[in-house]
């Protein structure tokens, strides 16, 4: 499923690289609040879901070539974080709800994809 379709399905806003979001396929979701979670559980087809909202997160995502990061509870990174994500080609999306609800929404959207796709 494309990152854009996932974002729409969970009612998340796309903050950076919206054109890329329409073409990037996501096949895994990695949820966690430590940079080590991201480094250990992510790949180039992973959406990272996290409460982290700092430059370390963007840099870690860049290292493992994560195409997308979903921030939670409407959190928006500072201008430097947005700029770094844009320059790295990382799609940042923001869910309006917390970790539990966001992961539940992702599960439902992905489960529906499996049924129809």
PDB file of N, CA and C in Angstrom:
ATOM      1  N   UNK A   1       0.848  -1.167   0.000  1.00  0.00           N
ATOM      2  CA  UNK A   1       0.000   0.000   0.000  1.00  0.00           C
ATOM      3  C   UNK A   1       0.897   1.234   0.000  1.00  0.00           C
ATOM      4  N   UNK A   2       0.477   2.250  -0.703  1.00  0.00           N
ATOM      5  CA  UNK A   2       1.301   3.458  -0.742  1.00  0.00           C
ATOM      6  C   UNK A   2       1.209   4.209   0.585  1.00  0.00           C
ATOM      7  N   UNK A   3       2.243   4.959   0.849  1.00  0.00           N
ATOM      8  CA  UNK A   3       2.286   5.763   2.064  1.00  0.00           C
ATOM      9  C   UNK A   3       1.153   6.794   2.074  1.00  0.00           C
ATOM     10  N   UNK A   4       0.835   7.330   0.930  1.00  0.00           N
ATOM     11  CA  UNK A   4      -0.265   8.301   0.848  1.00  0.00           C
ATOM     12  C   UNK A   4      -1.594   7.649   1.209  1.00  0.00           C
ATOM     13  N   UNK A   5      -1.839   6.445   0.708  1.00  0.00           N
ATOM     14  CA  UNK A   5      -3.078   5.744   1.037  1.00  0.00           C
ATOM     15  C   UNK A   5      -3.145   5.392   2.522  1.00  0.00           C
ATOM     16  N   UNK A   6      -2.010   5.006   3.093  1.00  0.00           N
ATOM     17  CA  UNK A   6      -1.979   4.739   4.530  1.00  0.00           C
ATOM     18  C   UNK A   6      -2.302   5.995   5.321  1.00  0.00           C
ATOM     19  N   UNK A   7      -1.684   7.105   4.940  1.00  0.00           N
ATOM     20  CA  UNK A   7      -1.932   8.370   5.632  1.00  0.00           C
ATOM     21  C   UNK A   7      -3.413   8.733   5.570  1.00  0.00           C
ATOM     22  N   UNK A   8      -3.994   8.620   4.394  1.00  0.00           N
ATOM     23  CA  UNK A   8      -5.428   8.920   4.254  1.00  0.00           C
ATOM     24  C   UNK A   8      -6.269   7.983   5.105  1.00  0.00           C
ATOM     25  N   UNK A   9      -5.898   6.708   5.113  1.00  0.00           N
ATOM     26  CA  UNK A   9      -6.656   5.710   5.852  1.00  0.00           C
ATOM     27  C   UNK A   9      -6.655   5.911   7.356  1.00  0.00           C
ATOM     28  N   UNK A  10      -5.612   6.520   7.883  1.00  0.00           N
ATOM     29  CA  UNK A  10      -5.550   6.748   9.329  1.00  0.00           C
ATOM     30  C   UNK A  10      -5.808   8.213   9.686  1.00  0.00           C
ATOM     31  N   UNK A  11      -6.204   8.996   8.681  1.00  0.00           N
ATOM     32  CA  UNK A  11      -6.519  10.419   8.858  1.00  0.00           C
ATOM     33  C   UNK A  11      -5.313  11.225   9.331  1.00  0.00           C
ATOM     34  N   UNK A  12      -4.160  10.923   8.767  1.00  0.00           N
ATOM     35  CA  UNK A  12      -2.919  11.628   9.101  1.00  0.00           C
ATOM     36  C   UNK A  12      -2.616  12.672   8.032  1.00  0.00           C
ATOM     37  N   UNK A  13      -1.977  13.743   8.453  1.00  0.00           N
ATOM     38  CA  UNK A  13      -1.566  14.805   7.536  1.00  0.00           C
ATOM     39  C   UNK A  13      -0.161  14.515   7.023  1.00  0.00           C
ATOM     40  N   UNK A  14       0.062  14.768   5.746  1.00  0.00           N
ATOM     41  CA  UNK A  14       1.389  14.609   5.160  1.00  0.00           C
ATOM     42  C   UNK A  14       2.089  15.957   5.216  1.00  0.00           C
ATOM     43  N   UNK A  15       3.253  15.989   5.881  1.00  0.00           N
ATOM     44  CA  UNK A  15       3.975  17.255   6.058  1.00  0.00           C
ATOM     45  C   UNK A  15       5.085  17.470   5.039  1.00  0.00           C
ATOM     46  N   UNK A  16       5.728  16.396   4.608  1.00  0.00           N
ATOM     47  CA  UNK A  16       6.860  16.526   3.677  1.00  0.00           C
ATOM     48  C   UNK A  16       6.763  15.492   2.569  1.00  0.00           C
ATOM     49  N   UNK A  17       7.308  15.846   1.424  1.00  0.00           N
ATOM     50  CA  UNK A  17       7.467  14.929   0.294  1.00  0.00           C
ATOM     51  C   UNK A  17       6.174  14.227  -0.115  1.00  0.00           C
ATOM     52  N   UNK A  18       5.119  15.010  -0.267  1.00  0.00           N
ATOM     53  CA  UNK A  18       3.812  14.434  -0.594  1.00  0.00           C
ATOM     54  C   UNK A  18       3.820  13.687  -1.925  1.00  0.00           C
ATOM     55  N   UNK A  19       4.549  14.179  -2.906  1.00  0.00           N
ATOM     56  CA  UNK A  19       4.615  13.485  -4.197  1.00  0.00           C
ATOM     57  C   UNK A  19       5.234  12.104  -4.040  1.00  0.00           C
ATOM     58  N   UNK A  20       6.254  12.005  -3.216  1.00  0.00           N
ATOM     59  CA  UNK A  20       6.893  10.706  -2.977  1.00  0.00           C
ATOM     60  C   UNK A  20       5.938   9.758  -2.255  1.00  0.00           C
ATOM     61  N   UNK A  21       5.115  10.302  -1.352  1.00  0.00           N
ATOM     62  CA  UNK A  21       4.171   9.483  -0.582  1.00  0.00           C
ATOM     63  C   UNK A  21       3.217   8.721  -1.487  1.00  0.00           C
ATOM     64  N   UNK A  22       2.917   9.286  -2.646  1.00  0.00           N
ATOM     65  CA  UNK A  22       1.988   8.641  -3.575  1.00  0.00           C
ATOM     66  C   UNK A  22       2.597   7.433  -4.273  1.00  0.00           C
ATOM     67  N   UNK A  23       3.920   7.333  -4.262  1.00  0.00           N
ATOM     68  CA  UNK A  23       4.560   6.233  -4.990  1.00  0.00           C
ATOM     69  C   UNK A  23       5.300   5.233  -4.100  1.00  0.00           C
ATOM     70  N   UNK A  24       5.552   5.587  -2.850  1.00  0.00           N
ATOM     71  CA  UNK A  24       6.314   4.699  -1.962  1.00  0.00           C
ATOM     72  C   UNK A  24       5.406   3.611  -1.409  1.00  0.00           C
ATOM     73  N   UNK A  25       5.796   2.371  -1.609  1.00  0.00           N
ATOM     74  CA  UNK A  25       5.050   1.234  -1.080  1.00  0.00           C
ATOM     75  C   UNK A  25       5.563   0.875   0.310  1.00  0.00           C
ATOM     76  N   UNK A  26       4.630   0.684   1.235  1.00  0.00           N
ATOM     77  CA  UNK A  26       4.949   0.303   2.601  1.00  0.00           C
ATOM     78  C   UNK A  26       4.471  -1.129   2.815  1.00  0.00           C
ATOM     79  N   UNK A  27       5.351  -1.987   3.342  1.00  0.00           N
ATOM     80  CA  UNK A  27       4.924  -3.348   3.641  1.00  0.00           C
ATOM     81  C   UNK A  27       5.131  -3.738   5.102  1.00  0.00           C
ATOM     82  N   UNK A  28       5.692  -2.813   5.889  1.00  0.00           N
ATOM     83  CA  UNK A  28       5.945  -3.079   7.303  1.00  0.00           C
ATOM     84  C   UNK A  28       5.722  -1.805   8.098  1.00  0.00           C
ATOM     85  N   UNK A  29       5.240  -1.978   9.326  1.00  0.00           N
ATOM     86  CA  UNK A  29       5.119  -0.865  10.259  1.00  0.00           C
ATOM     87  C   UNK A  29       5.959  -1.205  11.479  1.00  0.00           C
ATOM     88  N   UNK A  30       6.745  -0.245  11.928  1.00  0.00           N
ATOM     89  CA  UNK A  30       7.579  -0.404  13.113  1.00  0.00           C
ATOM     90  C   UNK A  30       7.205   0.699  14.089  1.00  0.00           C
ATOM     91  N   UNK A  31       6.669   0.325  15.250  1.00  0.00           N
ATOM     92  CA  UNK A  31       6.255   1.312  16.238  1.00  0.00           C
ATOM     93  C   UNK A  31       7.185   1.256  17.437  1.00  0.00           C
ATOM     94  N   UNK A  32       7.687   2.406  17.851  1.00  0.00           N
ATOM     95  CA  UNK A  32       8.563   2.443  19.009  1.00  0.00           C
ATOM     96  C   UNK A  32       8.994   3.851  19.338  1.00  0.00           C
ATOM     97  N   UNK A  33       9.501   4.004  20.549  1.00  0.00           N
ATOM     98  CA  UNK A  33       9.903   5.324  21.023  1.00  0.00           C
ATOM     99  C   UNK A  33      11.374   5.411  21.382  1.00  0.00           C
ATOM    100  N   UNK A  34      12.174   4.520  20.808  1.00  0.00           N
ATOM    101  CA  UNK A  34      13.627   4.597  20.985  1.00  0.00           C
ATOM    102  C   UNK A  34      14.266   4.550  19.605  1.00  0.00           C
ATOM    103  N   UNK A  35      15.320   5.283  19.427  1.00  0.00           N
ATOM    104  CA  UNK A  35      16.016   5.274  18.137  1.00  0.00           C
ATOM    105  C   UNK A  35      16.481   3.860  17.814  1.00  0.00           C
ATOM    106  N   UNK A  36      16.867   3.090  18.821  1.00  0.00           N
ATOM    107  CA  UNK A  36      17.309   1.711  18.570  1.00  0.00           C
ATOM    108  C   UNK A  36      16.178   0.858  18.004  1.00  0.00           C
ATOM    109  N   UNK A  37      14.918   1.135  18.382  1.00  0.00           N
ATOM    110  CA  UNK A  37      13.785   0.419  17.786  1.00  0.00           C
ATOM    111  C   UNK A  37      13.764   0.628  16.278  1.00  0.00           C
ATOM    112  N   UNK A  38      14.017   1.847  15.879  1.00  0.00           N
ATOM    113  CA  UNK A  38      13.994   2.193  14.460  1.00  0.00           C
ATOM    114  C   UNK A  38      15.144   1.516  13.724  1.00  0.00           C
ATOM    115  N   UNK A  39      16.322   1.603  14.293  1.00  0.00           N
ATOM    116  CA  UNK A  39      17.495   1.024  13.644  1.00  0.00           C
ATOM    117  C   UNK A  39      17.386  -0.491  13.524  1.00  0.00           C
ATOM    118  N   UNK A  40      16.778  -1.147  14.498  1.00  0.00           N
ATOM    119  CA  UNK A  40      16.679  -2.609  14.485  1.00  0.00           C
ATOM    120  C   UNK A  40      15.491  -3.139  13.708  1.00  0.00           C
ATOM    121  N   UNK A  41      14.397  -2.381  13.633  1.00  0.00           N
ATOM    122  CA  UNK A  41      13.186  -2.934  13.062  1.00  0.00           C
ATOM    123  C   UNK A  41      12.735  -2.337  11.755  1.00  0.00           C
ATOM    124  N   UNK A  42      13.513  -1.485  11.151  1.00  0.00           N
ATOM    125  CA  UNK A  42      13.048  -0.770   9.970  1.00  0.00           C
ATOM    126  C   UNK A  42      13.841  -1.135   8.720  1.00  0.00           C
ATOM    127  N   UNK A  43      13.205  -0.882   7.584  1.00  0.00           N
ATOM    128  CA  UNK A  43      13.843  -1.117   6.287  1.00  0.00           C
ATOM    129  C   UNK A  43      13.389  -0.034   5.321  1.00  0.00           C
ATOM    130  N   UNK A  44      13.695  -0.215   4.063  1.00  0.00           N
ATOM    131  CA  UNK A  44      13.332   0.787   3.059  1.00  0.00           C
ATOM    132  C   UNK A  44      11.873   0.685   2.607  1.00  0.00           C
ATOM    133  N   UNK A  45      11.088  -0.166   3.281  1.00  0.00           N
ATOM    134  CA  UNK A  45       9.654  -0.271   2.991  1.00  0.00           C
ATOM    135  C   UNK A  45       8.842  -0.198   4.289  1.00  0.00           C
ATOM    136  N   UNK A  46       9.390   0.508   5.279  1.00  0.00           N
ATOM    137  CA  UNK A  46       8.786   0.575   6.613  1.00  0.00           C
ATOM    138  C   UNK A  46       8.258   1.966   6.912  1.00  0.00           C
ATOM    139  N   UNK A  47       7.096   2.005   7.536  1.00  0.00           N
ATOM    140  CA  UNK A  47       6.582   3.227   8.138  1.00  0.00           C
ATOM    141  C   UNK A  47       6.906   3.142   9.622  1.00  0.00           C
ATOM    142  N   UNK A  48       7.658   4.098  10.125  1.00  0.00           N
ATOM    143  CA  UNK A  48       7.988   4.162  11.550  1.00  0.00           C
ATOM    144  C   UNK A  48       6.938   5.018  12.244  1.00  0.00           C
ATOM    145  N   UNK A  49       6.356   4.482  13.306  1.00  0.00           N
ATOM    146  CA  UNK A  49       5.356   5.183  14.103  1.00  0.00           C
ATOM    147  C   UNK A  49       5.984   5.472  15.459  1.00  0.00           C
ATOM    148  N   UNK A  50       6.022   6.744  15.854  1.00  0.00           N
ATOM    149  CA  UNK A  50       6.753   7.088  17.065  1.00  0.00           C
ATOM    150  C   UNK A  50       6.294   8.400  17.693  1.00  0.00           C
ATOM    151  N   UNK A  51       6.560   8.509  18.982  1.00  0.00           N
ATOM    152  CA  UNK A  51       6.369   9.766  19.705  1.00  0.00           C
ATOM    153  C   UNK A  51       7.612  10.641  19.622  1.00  0.00           C
ATOM    154  N   UNK A  52       8.733  10.067  19.179  1.00  0.00           N
ATOM    155  CA  UNK A  52       9.961  10.849  19.064  1.00  0.00           C
ATOM    156  C   UNK A  52       9.739  11.968  18.061  1.00  0.00           C
ATOM    157  N   UNK A  53      10.291  13.109  18.357  1.00  0.00           N
ATOM    158  CA  UNK A  53      10.061  14.246  17.491  1.00  0.00           C
ATOM    159  C   UNK A  53      11.311  15.130  17.517  1.00  0.00           C
ATOM    160  N   UNK A  54      12.409  14.573  16.969  1.00  0.00           N
ATOM    161  CA  UNK A  54      13.666  15.325  17.019  1.00  0.00           C
ATOM    162  C   UNK A  54      14.553  14.967  15.830  1.00  0.00           C
ATOM    163  N   UNK A  55      15.658  15.655  15.730  1.00  0.00           N
ATOM    164  CA  UNK A  55      16.591  15.439  14.618  1.00  0.00           C
ATOM    165  C   UNK A  55      17.206  14.048  14.649  1.00  0.00           C
ATOM    166  N   UNK A  56      17.403  13.482  15.839  1.00  0.00           N
ATOM    167  CA  UNK A  56      17.982  12.139  15.928  1.00  0.00           C
ATOM    168  C   UNK A  56      17.103  11.125  15.199  1.00  0.00           C
ATOM    169  N   UNK A  57      15.813  11.294  15.301  1.00  0.00           N
ATOM    170  CA  UNK A  57      14.877  10.410  14.611  1.00  0.00           C
ATOM    171  C   UNK A  57      15.036  10.519  13.097  1.00  0.00           C
ATOM    172  N   UNK A  58      15.088  11.735  12.597  1.00  0.00           N
ATOM    173  CA  UNK A  58      15.232  11.942  11.153  1.00  0.00           C
ATOM    174  C   UNK A  58      16.554  11.364  10.667  1.00  0.00           C
ATOM    175  N   UNK A  59      17.619  11.555  11.416  1.00  0.00           N
ATOM    176  CA  UNK A  59      18.934  11.021  11.035  1.00  0.00           C
ATOM    177  C   UNK A  59      18.947   9.497  11.074  1.00  0.00           C
ATOM    178  N   UNK A  60      18.313   8.898  12.085  1.00  0.00           N
ATOM    179  CA  UNK A  60      18.243   7.435  12.167  1.00  0.00           C
ATOM    180  C   UNK A  60      17.455   6.874  10.991  1.00  0.00           C
ATOM    181  N   UNK A  61      16.356   7.530  10.646  1.00  0.00           N
ATOM    182  CA  UNK A  61      15.561   7.101   9.497  1.00  0.00           C
ATOM    183  C   UNK A  61      16.374   7.178   8.209  1.00  0.00           C
ATOM    184  N   UNK A  62      17.179   8.208   8.098  1.00  0.00           N
ATOM    185  CA  UNK A  62      18.042   8.363   6.924  1.00  0.00           C
ATOM    186  C   UNK A  62      19.052   7.217   6.839  1.00  0.00           C
ATOM    187  N   UNK A  63      19.615   6.820   7.979  1.00  0.00           N
ATOM    188  CA  UNK A  63      20.616   5.752   7.995  1.00  0.00           C
ATOM    189  C   UNK A  63      20.074   4.439   7.459  1.00  0.00           C
ATOM    190  N   UNK A  64      18.841   4.098   7.828  1.00  0.00           N
ATOM    191  CA  UNK A  64      18.276   2.818   7.393  1.00  0.00           C
ATOM    192  C   UNK A  64      17.328   2.975   6.206  1.00  0.00           C
ATOM    193  N   UNK A  65      17.336   4.170   5.604  1.00  0.00           N
ATOM    194  CA  UNK A  65      16.556   4.464   4.407  1.00  0.00           C
ATOM    195  C   UNK A  65      15.063   4.242   4.590  1.00  0.00           C
ATOM    196  N   UNK A  66      14.565   4.589   5.770  1.00  0.00           N
ATOM    197  CA  UNK A  66      13.131   4.517   6.042  1.00  0.00           C
ATOM    198  C   UNK A  66      12.427   5.578   5.197  1.00  0.00           C
ATOM    199  N   UNK A  67      11.419   5.193   4.431  1.00  0.00           N
ATOM    200  CA  UNK A  67      10.761   6.168   3.579  1.00  0.00           C
ATOM    201  C   UNK A  67       9.767   7.074   4.301  1.00  0.00           C
ATOM    202  N   UNK A  68       9.246   6.614   5.461  1.00  0.00           N
ATOM    203  CA  UNK A  68       8.226   7.404   6.120  1.00  0.00           C
ATOM    204  C   UNK A  68       8.234   7.291   7.625  1.00  0.00           C
ATOM    205  N   UNK A  69       7.886   8.411   8.262  1.00  0.00           N
ATOM    206  CA  UNK A  69       7.774   8.485   9.712  1.00  0.00           C
ATOM    207  C   UNK A  69       6.402   9.057  10.033  1.00  0.00           C
ATOM    208  N   UNK A  70       5.711   8.411  10.961  1.00  0.00           N
ATOM    209  CA  UNK A  70       4.426   8.898  11.439  1.00  0.00           C
ATOM    210  C   UNK A  70       4.593   9.383  12.869  1.00  0.00           C
ATOM    211  N   UNK A  71       4.457  10.678  13.051  1.00  0.00           N
ATOM    212  CA  UNK A  71       4.485  11.259  14.390  1.00  0.00           C
ATOM    213  C   UNK A  71       3.080  11.203  14.976  1.00  0.00           C
ATOM    214  N   UNK A  72       2.996  11.217  16.286  1.00  0.00           N
ATOM    215  CA  UNK A  72       1.726  10.986  16.963  1.00  0.00           C
ATOM    216  C   UNK A  72       1.194  12.224  17.671  1.00  0.00           C
ATOM    217  N   UNK A  73      -0.076  12.173  18.013  1.00  0.00           N
ATOM    218  CA  UNK A  73      -0.741  13.218  18.794  1.00  0.00           C
ATOM    219  C   UNK A  73      -0.608  14.609  18.185  1.00  0.00           C
ATOM    220  N   UNK A  74      -0.595  14.688  16.867  1.00  0.00           N
ATOM    221  CA  UNK A  74      -0.511  15.983  16.201  1.00  0.00           C
ATOM    222  C   UNK A  74       0.828  16.681  16.340  1.00  0.00           C
ATOM    223  N   UNK A  75       1.860  15.956  16.769  1.00  0.00           N
ATOM    224  CA  UNK A  75       3.184  16.556  16.969  1.00  0.00           C
ATOM    225  C   UNK A  75       3.827  16.981  15.663  1.00  0.00           C
ATOM    226  N   UNK A  76       4.337  18.179  15.626  1.00  0.00           N
ATOM    227  CA  UNK A  76       5.010  18.698  14.436  1.00  0.00           C
ATOM    228  C   UNK A  76       6.460  18.993  14.795  1.00  0.00           C
ATOM    229  N   UNK A  77       7.392  18.505  13.994  1.00  0.00           N
ATOM    230  CA  UNK A  77       8.806  18.782  14.299  1.00  0.00           C
ATOM    231  C   UNK A  77       9.156  20.245  14.083  1.00  0.00           C
ATOM    232  N   UNK A  78      10.280  20.627  14.641  1.00  0.00           N
ATOM    233  CA  UNK A  78      10.742  22.000  14.455  1.00  0.00           C
ATOM    234  C   UNK A  78      11.148  22.201  12.997  1.00  0.00           C
ATOM    235  N   UNK A  79      11.338  23.438  12.570  1.00  0.00           N
ATOM    236  CA  UNK A  79      11.676  23.712  11.161  1.00  0.00           C
ATOM    237  C   UNK A  79      12.914  22.967  10.668  1.00  0.00           C
ATOM    238  N   UNK A  80      13.915  22.778  11.540  1.00  0.00           N
ATOM    239  CA  UNK A  80      15.113  22.044  11.125  1.00  0.00           C
ATOM    240  C   UNK A  80      14.782  20.583  10.828  1.00  0.00           C
ATOM    241  N   UNK A  81      13.915  19.983  11.626  1.00  0.00           N
ATOM    242  CA  UNK A  81      13.498  18.599  11.394  1.00  0.00           C
ATOM    243  C   UNK A  81      12.723  18.452  10.099  1.00  0.00           C
ATOM    244  N   UNK A  82      11.831  19.390   9.847  1.00  0.00           N
ATOM    245  CA  UNK A  82      11.072  19.373   8.593  1.00  0.00           C
ATOM    246  C   UNK A  82      11.996  19.528   7.391  1.00  0.00           C
ATOM    247  N   UNK A  83      12.949  20.443   7.506  1.00  0.00           N
ATOM    248  CA  UNK A  83      13.894  20.677   6.408  1.00  0.00           C
ATOM    249  C   UNK A  83      14.745  19.438   6.154  1.00  0.00           C
ATOM    250  N   UNK A  84      15.249  18.821   7.218  1.00  0.00           N
ATOM    251  CA  UNK A  84      16.084  17.620   7.069  1.00  0.00           C
ATOM    252  C   UNK A  84      15.294  16.489   6.431  1.00  0.00           C
ATOM    253  N   UNK A  85      14.054  16.286   6.867  1.00  0.00           N
ATOM    254  CA  UNK A  85      13.224  15.229   6.283  1.00  0.00           C
ATOM    255  C   UNK A  85      12.970  15.507   4.802  1.00  0.00           C
ATOM    256  N   UNK A  86      12.675  16.755   4.473  1.00  0.00           N
ATOM    257  CA  UNK A  86      12.440  17.114   3.075  1.00  0.00           C
ATOM    258  C   UNK A  86      13.668  16.851   2.223  1.00  0.00           C
ATOM    259  N   UNK A  87      14.823  17.273   2.714  1.00  0.00           N
ATOM    260  CA  UNK A  87      16.067  17.092   1.962  1.00  0.00           C
ATOM    261  C   UNK A  87      16.444  15.621   1.815  1.00  0.00           C
ATOM    262  N   UNK A  88      16.133  14.809   2.823  1.00  0.00           N
ATOM    263  CA  UNK A  88      16.478  13.381   2.778  1.00  0.00           C
ATOM    264  C   UNK A  88      15.467  12.566   1.994  1.00  0.00           C
ATOM    265  N   UNK A  89      14.334  13.169   1.651  1.00  0.00           N
ATOM    266  CA  UNK A  89      13.290  12.433   0.953  1.00  0.00           C
ATOM    267  C   UNK A  89      12.420  11.607   1.879  1.00  0.00           C
ATOM    268  N   UNK A  90      12.494  11.883   3.173  1.00  0.00           N
ATOM    269  CA  UNK A  90      11.674  11.162   4.142  1.00  0.00           C
ATOM    270  C   UNK A  90      10.294  11.801   4.194  1.00  0.00           C
ATOM    271  N   UNK A  91       9.261  10.974   4.080  1.00  0.00           N
ATOM    272  CA  UNK A  91       7.893  11.459   4.169  1.00  0.00           C
ATOM    273  C   UNK A  91       7.509  11.508   5.648  1.00  0.00           C
ATOM    274  N   UNK A  92       7.155  12.682   6.125  1.00  0.00           N
ATOM    275  CA  UNK A  92       6.670  12.831   7.496  1.00  0.00           C
ATOM    276  C   UNK A  92       5.162  12.977   7.458  1.00  0.00           C
ATOM    277  N   UNK A  93       4.491  12.135   8.238  1.00  0.00           N
ATOM    278  CA  UNK A  93       3.054  12.277   8.394  1.00  0.00           C
ATOM    279  C   UNK A  93       2.764  12.434   9.882  1.00  0.00           C
ATOM    280  N   UNK A  94       1.625  13.032  10.186  1.00  0.00           N
ATOM    281  CA  UNK A  94       1.255  13.264  11.581  1.00  0.00           C
ATOM    282  C   UNK A  94      -0.145  12.725  11.832  1.00  0.00           C
ATOM    283  N   UNK A  95      -0.212  11.781  12.746  1.00  0.00           N
ATOM    284  CA  UNK A  95      -1.495  11.232  13.174  1.00  0.00           C
ATOM    285  C   UNK A  95      -2.082  12.126  14.262  1.00  0.00           C
ATOM    286  N   UNK A  96      -3.388  12.323  14.248  1.00  0.00           N
ATOM    287  CA  UNK A  96      -3.996  13.171  15.269  1.00  0.00           C
ATOM    288  C   UNK A  96      -4.170  12.476  16.613  1.00  0.00           C
ATOM    289  N   UNK A  97      -3.895  11.172  16.659  1.00  0.00           N
ATOM    290  CA  UNK A  97      -4.132  10.392  17.882  1.00  0.00           C
ATOM    291  C   UNK A  97      -2.838   9.729  18.352  1.00  0.00           C
ATOM    292  N   UNK A  98      -2.896   9.065  19.498  1.00  0.00           N
ATOM    293  CA  UNK A  98      -1.722   8.441  20.102  1.00  0.00           C
ATOM    294  C   UNK A  98      -1.318   7.114  19.473  1.00  0.00           C
ATOM    295  N   UNK A  99      -0.319   6.491  20.078  1.00  0.00           N
ATOM    296  CA  UNK A  99       0.279   5.258  19.563  1.00  0.00           C
ATOM    297  C   UNK A  99      -0.746   4.131  19.416  1.00  0.00           C
ATOM    298  N   UNK A 100      -1.497   3.856  20.461  1.00  0.00           N
ATOM    299  CA  UNK A 100      -2.434   2.736  20.445  1.00  0.00           C
ATOM    300  C   UNK A 100      -3.462   2.895  19.332  1.00  0.00           C
ATOM    301  N   UNK A 101      -4.112   4.045  19.272  1.00  0.00           N
ATOM    302  CA  UNK A 101      -5.139   4.286  18.268  1.00  0.00           C
ATOM    303  C   UNK A 101      -4.543   4.310  16.855  1.00  0.00           C
ATOM    304  N   UNK A 102      -3.390   4.922  16.691  1.00  0.00           N
ATOM    305  CA  UNK A 102      -2.749   4.963  15.367  1.00  0.00           C
ATOM    306  C   UNK A 102      -2.422   3.563  14.879  1.00  0.00           C
ATOM    307  N   UNK A 103      -1.842   2.746  15.745  1.00  0.00           N
ATOM    308  CA  UNK A 103      -1.510   1.369  15.347  1.00  0.00           C
ATOM    309  C   UNK A 103      -2.767   0.567  15.029  1.00  0.00           C
ATOM    310  N   UNK A 104      -3.842   0.801  15.790  1.00  0.00           N
ATOM    311  CA  UNK A 104      -5.110   0.139  15.490  1.00  0.00           C
ATOM    312  C   UNK A 104      -5.647   0.539  14.131  1.00  0.00           C
ATOM    313  N   UNK A 105      -5.555   1.825  13.830  1.00  0.00           N
ATOM    314  CA  UNK A 105      -6.009   2.313  12.516  1.00  0.00           C
ATOM    315  C   UNK A 105      -5.166   1.711  11.398  1.00  0.00           C
ATOM    316  N   UNK A 106      -3.862   1.676  11.589  1.00  0.00           N
ATOM    317  CA  UNK A 106      -2.979   1.075  10.580  1.00  0.00           C
ATOM    318  C   UNK A 106      -3.326  -0.392  10.357  1.00  0.00           C
ATOM    319  N   UNK A 107      -3.562  -1.099  11.432  1.00  0.00           N
ATOM    320  CA  UNK A 107      -3.924  -2.513  11.325  1.00  0.00           C
ATOM    321  C   UNK A 107      -5.193  -2.677  10.493  1.00  0.00           C
ATOM    322  N   UNK A 108      -6.217  -1.869  10.785  1.00  0.00           N
ATOM    323  CA  UNK A 108      -7.476  -1.971  10.044  1.00  0.00           C
ATOM    324  C   UNK A 108      -7.277  -1.666   8.561  1.00  0.00           C
ATOM    325  N   UNK A 109      -6.533  -0.608   8.254  1.00  0.00           N
ATOM    326  CA  UNK A 109      -6.308  -0.229   6.868  1.00  0.00           C
ATOM    327  C   UNK A 109      -5.544  -1.329   6.131  1.00  0.00           C
ATOM    328  N   UNK A 110      -4.506  -1.844   6.752  1.00  0.00           N
ATOM    329  CA  UNK A 110      -3.713  -2.891   6.116  1.00  0.00           C
ATOM    330  C   UNK A 110      -4.483  -4.202   6.004  1.00  0.00           C
ATOM    331  N   UNK A 111      -5.302  -4.533   6.992  1.00  0.00           N
ATOM    332  CA  UNK A 111      -6.116  -5.746   6.934  1.00  0.00           C
ATOM    333  C   UNK A 111      -7.125  -5.661   5.790  1.00  0.00           C
ATOM    334  N   UNK A 112      -7.722  -4.496   5.609  1.00  0.00           N
ATOM    335  CA  UNK A 112      -8.644  -4.305   4.496  1.00  0.00           C
ATOM    336  C   UNK A 112      -7.946  -4.468   3.151  1.00  0.00           C
ATOM    337  N   UNK A 113      -6.720  -3.972   3.070  1.00  0.00           N
ATOM    338  CA  UNK A 113      -5.916  -4.117   1.846  1.00  0.00           C
ATOM    339  C   UNK A 113      -5.733  -5.584   1.520  1.00  0.00           C
ATOM    340  N   UNK A 114      -5.434  -6.382   2.531  1.00  0.00           N
ATOM    341  CA  UNK A 114      -5.221  -7.822   2.319  1.00  0.00           C
ATOM    342  C   UNK A 114      -6.496  -8.514   1.843  1.00  0.00           C
ATOM    343  N   UNK A 115      -7.631  -8.098   2.352  1.00  0.00           N
ATOM    344  CA  UNK A 115      -8.897  -8.704   1.961  1.00  0.00           C
ATOM    345  C   UNK A 115      -9.261  -8.385   0.523  1.00  0.00           C
ATOM    346  N   UNK A 116      -8.967  -7.144   0.109  1.00  0.00           N
ATOM    347  CA  UNK A 116      -9.381  -6.716  -1.225  1.00  0.00           C
ATOM    348  C   UNK A 116      -8.281  -6.853  -2.271  1.00  0.00           C
ATOM    349  N   UNK A 117      -7.037  -6.914  -1.815  1.00  0.00           N
ATOM    350  CA  UNK A 117      -5.941  -6.865  -2.749  1.00  0.00           C
ATOM    351  C   UNK A 117      -5.372  -8.153  -3.089  1.00  0.00           C
TER     352      UNK A 117
END
